[in-house]
């Protein structure tokens, strides 16, 4: 697998990945999440131009082909209170369970500098908080939330995401190397 910043021409494919990945929420009674619009092309472009977008691709095939590589998954991050905050990570369901999300997160940790990783996520969705805990994240207590994380959570609540339990999580630098 190769991970690098996607080109501007590849950004529509990231929206398609998000839509496909969101369908899994429908089976949990979370149709509103499945139906939520992915980040707009303008938002994705802003992340891409700021150098805070990563995409995962298959290894190139040695045979020459005119077909461009298609992203399998992607991650958006931004600096929040001295941390590398993962805004979004999604993998197309056809490529799930291959370590792509973990590889994207680990790469964001390297690219974001020697800073902790943070994210907000659904507490009870198996591929959300329980997954992140398996790769070294821990749930933050309310007293540990930084002003930036509090602002993110307030925005999420305003969007109605608190219909389902949500948590903030953090992974300290270097924890990626400690996982099995």
N, C-alpha and C. Protein backbone atom coordinates (compact mmCIF):
# COMPACT_ATOMS: atom_id res chain seq x y z
N UNK A 1 0.85 -1.17 0.00
CA UNK A 1 0.00 0.00 0.00
C UNK A 1 0.90 1.24 0.00
N UNK A 2 0.44 2.23 -0.73
CA UNK A 2 1.13 3.51 -0.82
C UNK A 2 0.20 4.56 -0.23
N UNK A 3 0.76 5.47 0.56
CA UNK A 3 -0.02 6.56 1.14
C UNK A 3 0.64 7.88 0.76
N UNK A 4 -0.15 8.77 0.18
CA UNK A 4 0.33 10.11 -0.14
C UNK A 4 -0.87 11.04 -0.28
N UNK A 5 -0.58 12.30 -0.47
CA UNK A 5 -1.65 13.28 -0.66
C UNK A 5 -2.33 13.03 -1.99
N UNK A 6 -3.65 13.06 -2.03
CA UNK A 6 -4.33 12.89 -3.30
C UNK A 6 -4.22 14.15 -4.15
N UNK A 7 -4.34 13.98 -5.44
CA UNK A 7 -4.37 15.14 -6.33
C UNK A 7 -5.76 15.78 -6.26
N UNK A 8 -5.87 16.98 -6.76
CA UNK A 8 -7.17 17.64 -6.80
C UNK A 8 -8.16 16.82 -7.62
N UNK A 9 -7.71 16.18 -8.68
CA UNK A 9 -8.58 15.38 -9.53
C UNK A 9 -9.12 14.15 -8.81
N UNK A 10 -8.44 13.71 -7.75
CA UNK A 10 -8.88 12.52 -7.01
C UNK A 10 -9.87 12.83 -5.89
N UNK A 11 -10.08 14.09 -5.58
CA UNK A 11 -10.95 14.46 -4.46
C UNK A 11 -12.39 13.95 -4.62
N UNK A 12 -12.99 13.95 -5.81
CA UNK A 12 -14.34 13.36 -5.91
C UNK A 12 -14.38 11.89 -5.50
N UNK A 13 -13.30 11.16 -5.72
CA UNK A 13 -13.26 9.75 -5.30
C UNK A 13 -13.32 9.63 -3.78
N UNK A 14 -12.79 10.62 -3.05
CA UNK A 14 -12.86 10.60 -1.59
C UNK A 14 -14.30 10.72 -1.12
N UNK A 15 -15.07 11.54 -1.81
CA UNK A 15 -16.49 11.68 -1.47
C UNK A 15 -17.22 10.36 -1.69
N UNK A 16 -16.88 9.65 -2.76
CA UNK A 16 -17.50 8.35 -3.03
C UNK A 16 -17.13 7.33 -1.96
N UNK A 17 -15.89 7.37 -1.50
CA UNK A 17 -15.46 6.47 -0.41
C UNK A 17 -16.29 6.74 0.83
N UNK A 18 -16.47 8.00 1.16
CA UNK A 18 -17.23 8.38 2.35
C UNK A 18 -18.67 7.90 2.27
N UNK A 19 -19.28 8.06 1.11
CA UNK A 19 -20.66 7.59 0.95
C UNK A 19 -20.75 6.08 1.11
N UNK A 20 -19.84 5.35 0.49
CA UNK A 20 -19.86 3.87 0.58
C UNK A 20 -19.61 3.43 2.01
N UNK A 21 -18.65 4.03 2.68
CA UNK A 21 -18.33 3.65 4.06
C UNK A 21 -19.49 3.98 5.00
N UNK A 22 -20.19 5.06 4.73
CA UNK A 22 -21.31 5.46 5.57
C UNK A 22 -22.48 4.50 5.56
N UNK A 23 -22.60 3.71 4.54
CA UNK A 23 -23.73 2.77 4.43
C UNK A 23 -23.77 1.78 5.58
N UNK A 24 -22.63 1.44 6.16
CA UNK A 24 -22.60 0.49 7.28
C UNK A 24 -23.39 0.99 8.48
N UNK A 25 -23.53 2.31 8.62
CA UNK A 25 -24.27 2.86 9.74
C UNK A 25 -25.77 2.56 9.64
N UNK A 26 -26.25 2.38 8.43
CA UNK A 26 -27.66 2.10 8.22
C UNK A 26 -28.08 0.84 8.98
N UNK A 27 -27.23 -0.18 8.99
CA UNK A 27 -27.53 -1.43 9.67
C UNK A 27 -27.57 -1.30 11.19
N UNK A 28 -27.08 -0.19 11.72
CA UNK A 28 -27.10 0.05 13.17
C UNK A 28 -28.24 0.99 13.57
N UNK A 29 -29.13 1.27 12.62
CA UNK A 29 -30.22 2.20 12.92
C UNK A 29 -29.77 3.65 12.91
N UNK A 30 -28.67 3.92 12.23
CA UNK A 30 -28.11 5.27 12.17
C UNK A 30 -28.19 5.81 10.73
N UNK A 31 -29.40 5.75 10.17
CA UNK A 31 -29.58 6.17 8.78
C UNK A 31 -29.18 7.63 8.57
N UNK A 32 -29.37 8.47 9.57
CA UNK A 32 -28.99 9.88 9.43
C UNK A 32 -27.49 10.02 9.17
N UNK A 33 -26.70 9.15 9.77
CA UNK A 33 -25.25 9.18 9.53
C UNK A 33 -24.97 8.67 8.12
N UNK A 34 -25.62 7.58 7.74
CA UNK A 34 -25.42 7.02 6.40
C UNK A 34 -25.81 8.04 5.32
N UNK A 35 -26.83 8.84 5.59
CA UNK A 35 -27.32 9.80 4.61
C UNK A 35 -26.58 11.14 4.65
N UNK A 36 -25.71 11.33 5.64
CA UNK A 36 -24.99 12.59 5.77
C UNK A 36 -24.09 12.82 4.56
N UNK A 37 -24.06 14.03 4.10
CA UNK A 37 -23.21 14.38 2.96
C UNK A 37 -21.73 14.33 3.37
N UNK A 38 -20.88 13.79 2.51
CA UNK A 38 -19.44 13.83 2.79
C UNK A 38 -18.93 15.26 2.69
N UNK A 39 -17.69 15.48 3.09
CA UNK A 39 -17.13 16.82 2.94
C UNK A 39 -17.26 17.27 1.48
N UNK A 40 -17.54 18.54 1.30
CA UNK A 40 -17.70 19.10 -0.05
C UNK A 40 -16.34 19.13 -0.75
N UNK A 41 -16.38 19.31 -2.06
CA UNK A 41 -15.12 19.44 -2.80
C UNK A 41 -14.34 20.66 -2.32
N UNK A 42 -15.03 21.72 -1.96
CA UNK A 42 -14.35 22.91 -1.44
C UNK A 42 -13.64 22.59 -0.13
N UNK A 43 -14.30 21.86 0.77
CA UNK A 43 -13.67 21.48 2.04
C UNK A 43 -12.47 20.57 1.79
N UNK A 44 -12.66 19.57 0.93
CA UNK A 44 -11.56 18.66 0.63
C UNK A 44 -10.39 19.39 -0.01
N UNK A 45 -10.69 20.33 -0.88
CA UNK A 45 -9.64 21.12 -1.52
C UNK A 45 -8.86 21.92 -0.48
N UNK A 46 -9.55 22.50 0.48
CA UNK A 46 -8.88 23.27 1.54
C UNK A 46 -7.94 22.36 2.34
N UNK A 47 -8.39 21.18 2.71
CA UNK A 47 -7.53 20.23 3.42
C UNK A 47 -6.34 19.83 2.55
N UNK A 48 -6.59 19.55 1.27
CA UNK A 48 -5.53 19.11 0.37
C UNK A 48 -4.49 20.20 0.19
N UNK A 49 -4.93 21.42 -0.01
CA UNK A 49 -3.98 22.53 -0.21
C UNK A 49 -3.20 22.85 1.05
N UNK A 50 -3.78 22.55 2.22
CA UNK A 50 -3.07 22.77 3.48
C UNK A 50 -2.12 21.62 3.81
N UNK A 51 -2.12 20.57 2.98
CA UNK A 51 -1.24 19.43 3.22
C UNK A 51 -1.75 18.52 4.32
N UNK A 52 -3.07 18.49 4.53
CA UNK A 52 -3.64 17.70 5.62
C UNK A 52 -4.64 16.67 5.11
N UNK A 53 -4.36 16.11 3.93
CA UNK A 53 -5.18 15.05 3.37
C UNK A 53 -4.26 13.91 2.95
N UNK A 54 -4.60 12.70 3.34
CA UNK A 54 -3.85 11.52 2.95
C UNK A 54 -4.80 10.54 2.28
N UNK A 55 -4.30 9.80 1.31
CA UNK A 55 -5.09 8.75 0.67
C UNK A 55 -4.22 7.51 0.53
N UNK A 56 -4.85 6.36 0.63
CA UNK A 56 -4.16 5.08 0.49
C UNK A 56 -4.49 4.49 -0.88
N UNK A 57 -3.48 3.90 -1.50
CA UNK A 57 -3.60 3.33 -2.84
C UNK A 57 -2.97 1.94 -2.85
N UNK A 58 -3.43 1.10 -3.78
CA UNK A 58 -2.78 -0.19 -4.00
C UNK A 58 -1.36 0.06 -4.49
N UNK A 59 -0.48 -0.91 -4.27
CA UNK A 59 0.85 -0.83 -4.86
C UNK A 59 0.70 -0.80 -6.38
N UNK A 60 1.53 -0.04 -7.07
CA UNK A 60 1.38 0.01 -8.53
C UNK A 60 1.72 -1.34 -9.15
N UNK A 61 0.99 -1.67 -10.18
CA UNK A 61 1.25 -2.89 -10.93
C UNK A 61 2.36 -2.58 -11.93
N UNK A 62 3.26 -3.52 -12.13
CA UNK A 62 4.38 -3.28 -13.02
C UNK A 62 3.94 -3.05 -14.46
N UNK A 63 2.85 -3.67 -14.87
CA UNK A 63 2.38 -3.49 -16.24
C UNK A 63 1.94 -2.04 -16.45
N UNK A 64 2.27 -1.51 -17.58
CA UNK A 64 1.89 -0.13 -17.88
C UNK A 64 0.38 -0.06 -18.09
N UNK A 65 -0.21 0.97 -17.53
CA UNK A 65 -1.65 1.18 -17.69
C UNK A 65 -1.92 2.67 -17.74
N UNK A 66 -2.95 3.01 -18.47
CA UNK A 66 -3.34 4.42 -18.55
C UNK A 66 -4.32 4.79 -17.46
N UNK A 67 -4.84 3.80 -16.75
CA UNK A 67 -5.84 4.07 -15.73
C UNK A 67 -5.17 4.62 -14.46
N UNK A 68 -5.64 5.76 -13.99
CA UNK A 68 -5.03 6.34 -12.78
C UNK A 68 -5.35 5.50 -11.54
N UNK A 69 -4.49 5.60 -10.57
CA UNK A 69 -4.72 4.89 -9.30
C UNK A 69 -5.95 5.49 -8.63
N UNK A 70 -6.73 4.63 -7.99
CA UNK A 70 -7.92 5.10 -7.27
C UNK A 70 -7.68 4.92 -5.78
N UNK A 71 -8.02 5.92 -4.99
CA UNK A 71 -7.85 5.80 -3.55
C UNK A 71 -8.75 4.70 -2.97
N UNK A 72 -8.23 4.00 -1.95
CA UNK A 72 -8.97 2.96 -1.25
C UNK A 72 -9.57 3.52 0.04
N UNK A 73 -8.93 4.54 0.58
CA UNK A 73 -9.36 5.17 1.82
C UNK A 73 -8.68 6.52 1.93
N UNK A 74 -9.14 7.32 2.89
CA UNK A 74 -8.53 8.64 3.06
C UNK A 74 -8.66 9.11 4.50
N UNK A 75 -7.88 10.13 4.82
CA UNK A 75 -7.88 10.72 6.15
C UNK A 75 -7.69 12.22 6.01
N UNK A 76 -8.42 12.98 6.81
CA UNK A 76 -8.27 14.43 6.92
C UNK A 76 -7.83 14.73 8.35
N UNK A 77 -6.88 15.63 8.52
CA UNK A 77 -6.46 16.02 9.86
C UNK A 77 -6.24 17.52 9.92
N UNK A 78 -6.26 18.02 11.15
CA UNK A 78 -6.01 19.44 11.36
C UNK A 78 -5.37 19.63 12.74
N UNK A 79 -4.59 20.69 12.91
CA UNK A 79 -4.02 20.95 14.23
C UNK A 79 -5.09 21.50 15.16
N UNK A 80 -5.17 20.91 16.36
CA UNK A 80 -6.12 21.38 17.37
C UNK A 80 -5.41 21.33 18.72
N UNK A 81 -5.17 22.49 19.28
CA UNK A 81 -4.57 22.59 20.62
C UNK A 81 -3.29 21.78 20.75
N UNK A 82 -2.41 21.89 19.76
CA UNK A 82 -1.12 21.21 19.83
C UNK A 82 -1.16 19.73 19.48
N UNK A 83 -2.30 19.25 19.04
CA UNK A 83 -2.45 17.84 18.66
C UNK A 83 -2.76 17.75 17.17
N UNK A 84 -2.56 16.56 16.63
CA UNK A 84 -2.98 16.24 15.27
C UNK A 84 -4.37 15.63 15.40
N UNK A 85 -5.38 16.40 15.06
CA UNK A 85 -6.77 15.96 15.22
C UNK A 85 -7.26 15.32 13.93
N UNK A 86 -7.68 14.07 14.03
CA UNK A 86 -8.21 13.36 12.87
C UNK A 86 -9.66 13.78 12.69
N UNK A 87 -9.87 14.52 11.64
CA UNK A 87 -11.21 15.02 11.34
C UNK A 87 -12.08 13.92 10.72
N UNK A 88 -11.48 13.12 9.86
CA UNK A 88 -12.22 12.05 9.19
C UNK A 88 -11.24 10.98 8.71
N UNK A 89 -11.63 9.73 8.88
CA UNK A 89 -10.90 8.62 8.26
C UNK A 89 -11.95 7.65 7.76
N UNK A 90 -11.86 7.30 6.48
CA UNK A 90 -12.82 6.39 5.87
C UNK A 90 -12.10 5.47 4.90
N UNK A 91 -12.55 4.22 4.88
CA UNK A 91 -12.02 3.22 3.95
C UNK A 91 -13.21 2.64 3.19
N UNK A 92 -13.05 2.48 1.91
CA UNK A 92 -14.13 1.89 1.11
C UNK A 92 -14.38 0.48 1.64
N UNK A 93 -15.64 0.08 1.83
CA UNK A 93 -15.94 -1.24 2.40
C UNK A 93 -15.35 -2.41 1.61
N UNK A 94 -15.13 -2.24 0.32
CA UNK A 94 -14.51 -3.31 -0.47
C UNK A 94 -13.07 -3.57 -0.06
N UNK A 95 -12.48 -2.63 0.67
CA UNK A 95 -11.07 -2.74 1.07
C UNK A 95 -10.90 -2.74 2.59
N UNK A 96 -12.01 -2.96 3.30
CA UNK A 96 -11.97 -2.95 4.77
C UNK A 96 -11.21 -4.16 5.30
N UNK A 97 -10.79 -4.07 6.54
CA UNK A 97 -10.11 -5.16 7.28
C UNK A 97 -8.77 -5.53 6.66
N UNK A 98 -8.10 -4.55 6.07
CA UNK A 98 -6.78 -4.77 5.49
C UNK A 98 -5.72 -3.87 6.11
N UNK A 99 -6.08 -3.16 7.18
CA UNK A 99 -5.12 -2.29 7.86
C UNK A 99 -4.96 -0.92 7.22
N UNK A 100 -5.85 -0.56 6.31
CA UNK A 100 -5.72 0.72 5.61
C UNK A 100 -5.98 1.89 6.55
N UNK A 101 -7.05 1.81 7.35
CA UNK A 101 -7.34 2.89 8.30
C UNK A 101 -6.20 3.08 9.28
N UNK A 102 -5.69 1.99 9.81
CA UNK A 102 -4.56 2.05 10.76
C UNK A 102 -3.34 2.67 10.10
N UNK A 103 -3.06 2.28 8.85
CA UNK A 103 -1.90 2.84 8.15
C UNK A 103 -2.07 4.34 7.92
N UNK A 104 -3.27 4.77 7.58
CA UNK A 104 -3.52 6.20 7.40
C UNK A 104 -3.32 6.96 8.72
N UNK A 105 -3.83 6.41 9.80
CA UNK A 105 -3.68 7.05 11.11
C UNK A 105 -2.21 7.13 11.51
N UNK A 106 -1.49 6.04 11.32
CA UNK A 106 -0.06 6.04 11.66
C UNK A 106 0.70 7.07 10.82
N UNK A 107 0.35 7.19 9.56
CA UNK A 107 1.01 8.17 8.69
C UNK A 107 0.66 9.59 9.13
N UNK A 108 -0.59 9.83 9.52
CA UNK A 108 -0.97 11.16 10.01
C UNK A 108 -0.17 11.51 11.25
N UNK A 109 0.09 10.51 12.08
CA UNK A 109 0.91 10.76 13.27
C UNK A 109 2.31 11.21 12.87
N UNK A 110 2.90 10.56 11.89
CA UNK A 110 4.24 10.95 11.43
C UNK A 110 4.22 12.33 10.78
N UNK A 111 3.23 12.57 9.92
CA UNK A 111 3.17 13.85 9.20
C UNK A 111 2.79 15.01 10.11
N UNK A 112 2.04 14.75 11.16
CA UNK A 112 1.59 15.80 12.06
C UNK A 112 2.65 16.24 13.06
N UNK A 113 3.79 15.58 13.05
CA UNK A 113 4.86 15.95 13.96
C UNK A 113 4.76 15.18 15.26
N UNK A 114 5.62 15.49 16.19
CA UNK A 114 5.64 14.74 17.46
C UNK A 114 4.53 15.20 18.40
N UNK A 115 3.30 15.05 17.93
CA UNK A 115 2.15 15.51 18.72
C UNK A 115 1.19 14.35 18.94
N UNK A 116 0.44 14.40 20.02
CA UNK A 116 -0.60 13.38 20.21
C UNK A 116 -1.64 13.46 19.10
N UNK A 117 -2.31 12.35 18.86
CA UNK A 117 -3.44 12.30 17.95
C UNK A 117 -4.72 12.41 18.76
N UNK A 118 -5.71 13.12 18.24
CA UNK A 118 -7.02 13.16 18.87
C UNK A 118 -8.07 12.91 17.79
N UNK A 119 -9.25 12.54 18.25
CA UNK A 119 -10.40 12.37 17.36
C UNK A 119 -11.65 12.33 18.20
N UNK A 120 -12.78 12.52 17.55
CA UNK A 120 -14.08 12.33 18.19
C UNK A 120 -14.77 11.23 17.40
N UNK A 121 -15.57 10.41 18.10
CA UNK A 121 -16.15 9.25 17.43
C UNK A 121 -17.35 8.72 18.20
N UNK A 122 -18.06 7.81 17.58
CA UNK A 122 -19.19 7.17 18.25
C UNK A 122 -18.66 6.12 19.23
N UNK A 123 -19.15 6.18 20.45
CA UNK A 123 -18.66 5.31 21.51
C UNK A 123 -19.02 3.85 21.31
N UNK A 124 -20.18 3.58 20.73
CA UNK A 124 -20.68 2.20 20.69
C UNK A 124 -20.68 1.56 19.31
N UNK A 125 -20.16 2.23 18.31
CA UNK A 125 -20.07 1.66 16.96
C UNK A 125 -18.79 0.83 16.90
N UNK A 126 -18.89 -0.46 16.59
CA UNK A 126 -17.71 -1.35 16.66
C UNK A 126 -16.49 -0.86 15.89
N UNK A 127 -16.68 -0.24 14.75
CA UNK A 127 -15.54 0.22 13.96
C UNK A 127 -15.17 1.66 14.29
N UNK A 128 -15.69 2.18 15.38
CA UNK A 128 -15.33 3.51 15.86
C UNK A 128 -14.54 3.37 17.17
N UNK A 129 -15.07 3.82 18.29
CA UNK A 129 -14.29 3.85 19.54
C UNK A 129 -13.64 2.51 19.90
N UNK A 130 -14.33 1.37 19.82
CA UNK A 130 -13.66 0.11 20.16
C UNK A 130 -12.46 -0.18 19.25
N UNK A 131 -12.59 0.16 17.97
CA UNK A 131 -11.46 -0.03 17.04
C UNK A 131 -10.30 0.88 17.42
N UNK A 132 -10.59 2.16 17.67
CA UNK A 132 -9.52 3.09 18.00
C UNK A 132 -8.82 2.69 19.30
N UNK A 133 -9.57 2.15 20.25
CA UNK A 133 -8.95 1.68 21.50
C UNK A 133 -7.95 0.56 21.20
N UNK A 134 -8.29 -0.30 20.25
CA UNK A 134 -7.38 -1.41 19.90
C UNK A 134 -6.08 -0.91 19.27
N UNK A 135 -6.09 0.28 18.70
CA UNK A 135 -4.86 0.77 18.08
C UNK A 135 -4.22 1.91 18.91
N UNK A 136 -4.48 1.90 20.20
CA UNK A 136 -3.74 2.77 21.11
C UNK A 136 -4.40 4.04 21.58
N UNK A 137 -5.63 4.31 21.17
CA UNK A 137 -6.33 5.51 21.65
C UNK A 137 -7.01 5.20 22.98
N UNK A 138 -7.18 6.25 23.79
CA UNK A 138 -7.94 6.12 25.02
C UNK A 138 -9.00 7.21 25.06
N UNK A 139 -10.11 6.89 25.72
CA UNK A 139 -11.19 7.86 25.87
C UNK A 139 -10.75 8.93 26.86
N UNK A 140 -11.01 10.18 26.53
CA UNK A 140 -10.69 11.29 27.41
C UNK A 140 -11.86 11.59 28.34
N UNK A 141 -11.55 11.84 29.59
CA UNK A 141 -12.56 12.31 30.53
C UNK A 141 -12.91 13.75 30.18
N UNK A 142 -14.09 14.19 30.58
CA UNK A 142 -14.50 15.56 30.28
C UNK A 142 -13.49 16.58 30.79
N UNK A 143 -12.86 16.31 31.91
CA UNK A 143 -11.89 17.25 32.48
C UNK A 143 -10.61 17.34 31.64
N UNK A 144 -10.39 16.37 30.74
CA UNK A 144 -9.19 16.37 29.90
C UNK A 144 -9.39 17.06 28.56
N UNK A 145 -10.63 17.46 28.26
CA UNK A 145 -10.89 18.06 26.96
C UNK A 145 -10.29 19.45 26.87
N UNK A 146 -9.60 19.70 25.77
CA UNK A 146 -9.01 21.01 25.52
C UNK A 146 -10.10 21.94 24.97
N UNK A 147 -9.85 23.23 24.95
CA UNK A 147 -10.85 24.15 24.39
C UNK A 147 -11.23 23.78 22.94
N UNK A 148 -10.25 23.38 22.14
CA UNK A 148 -10.54 23.01 20.76
C UNK A 148 -11.43 21.78 20.66
N UNK A 149 -11.17 20.78 21.51
CA UNK A 149 -12.01 19.58 21.50
C UNK A 149 -13.42 19.90 22.00
N UNK A 150 -13.51 20.78 22.98
CA UNK A 150 -14.84 21.19 23.45
C UNK A 150 -15.62 21.89 22.33
N UNK A 151 -14.93 22.71 21.55
CA UNK A 151 -15.58 23.41 20.43
C UNK A 151 -16.03 22.40 19.36
N UNK A 152 -15.21 21.41 19.08
CA UNK A 152 -15.57 20.38 18.10
C UNK A 152 -16.80 19.62 18.59
N UNK A 153 -16.79 19.23 19.85
CA UNK A 153 -17.94 18.49 20.41
C UNK A 153 -19.21 19.33 20.39
N UNK A 154 -19.09 20.64 20.68
CA UNK A 154 -20.26 21.52 20.65
C UNK A 154 -20.81 21.60 19.22
N UNK A 155 -19.93 21.68 18.24
CA UNK A 155 -20.36 21.71 16.84
C UNK A 155 -21.05 20.40 16.47
N UNK A 156 -20.49 19.28 16.89
CA UNK A 156 -21.11 17.98 16.62
C UNK A 156 -22.50 17.88 17.25
N UNK A 157 -22.62 18.38 18.47
CA UNK A 157 -23.92 18.36 19.15
C UNK A 157 -24.92 19.22 18.39
N UNK A 158 -24.47 20.37 17.89
CA UNK A 158 -25.36 21.24 17.11
C UNK A 158 -25.82 20.57 15.83
N UNK A 159 -25.00 19.68 15.29
CA UNK A 159 -25.36 18.93 14.08
C UNK A 159 -26.26 17.74 14.37
N UNK A 160 -26.49 17.46 15.66
CA UNK A 160 -27.36 16.34 16.03
C UNK A 160 -26.65 15.02 16.21
N UNK A 161 -25.33 15.03 16.22
CA UNK A 161 -24.60 13.77 16.36
C UNK A 161 -24.72 13.16 17.74
N UNK A 162 -25.13 13.93 18.73
CA UNK A 162 -25.26 13.41 20.09
C UNK A 162 -26.50 12.54 20.29
N UNK A 163 -27.22 12.26 19.22
CA UNK A 163 -28.32 11.29 19.32
C UNK A 163 -27.76 9.93 19.71
N UNK A 164 -26.48 9.72 19.44
CA UNK A 164 -25.78 8.48 19.79
C UNK A 164 -24.57 8.88 20.63
N UNK A 165 -24.19 8.06 21.62
CA UNK A 165 -23.07 8.43 22.49
C UNK A 165 -21.78 8.66 21.71
N UNK A 166 -21.11 9.76 22.04
CA UNK A 166 -19.84 10.12 21.39
C UNK A 166 -18.77 10.35 22.44
N UNK A 167 -17.53 10.17 22.03
CA UNK A 167 -16.40 10.37 22.92
C UNK A 167 -15.28 11.08 22.17
N UNK A 168 -14.40 11.71 22.94
CA UNK A 168 -13.13 12.22 22.43
C UNK A 168 -12.07 11.20 22.83
N UNK A 169 -11.13 10.96 21.94
CA UNK A 169 -10.07 9.98 22.21
C UNK A 169 -8.72 10.60 21.86
N UNK A 170 -7.67 10.02 22.48
CA UNK A 170 -6.31 10.53 22.28
C UNK A 170 -5.33 9.37 22.24
N UNK A 171 -4.33 9.51 21.38
CA UNK A 171 -3.22 8.54 21.33
C UNK A 171 -1.93 9.32 21.42
N UNK A 172 -1.11 8.92 22.36
CA UNK A 172 0.17 9.58 22.55
C UNK A 172 1.14 9.20 21.43
N UNK A 173 2.09 10.08 21.12
CA UNK A 173 3.07 9.77 20.07
C UNK A 173 3.80 8.45 20.38
N UNK A 174 4.04 7.70 19.33
CA UNK A 174 4.78 6.45 19.48
C UNK A 174 3.93 5.24 19.84
N UNK A 175 2.67 5.43 20.14
CA UNK A 175 1.81 4.30 20.51
C UNK A 175 1.56 3.36 19.33
N UNK A 176 1.73 3.86 18.11
CA UNK A 176 1.51 3.01 16.94
C UNK A 176 2.47 1.83 16.96
N UNK A 177 3.68 2.04 17.47
CA UNK A 177 4.68 0.99 17.50
C UNK A 177 4.43 -0.04 18.59
N UNK A 178 3.54 0.26 19.52
CA UNK A 178 3.28 -0.65 20.65
C UNK A 178 2.16 -1.63 20.38
N UNK A 179 1.45 -1.48 19.32
CA UNK A 179 0.33 -2.37 19.04
C UNK A 179 0.80 -3.72 18.54
N UNK A 180 -0.05 -4.75 18.71
CA UNK A 180 0.35 -6.07 18.23
C UNK A 180 0.37 -6.15 16.71
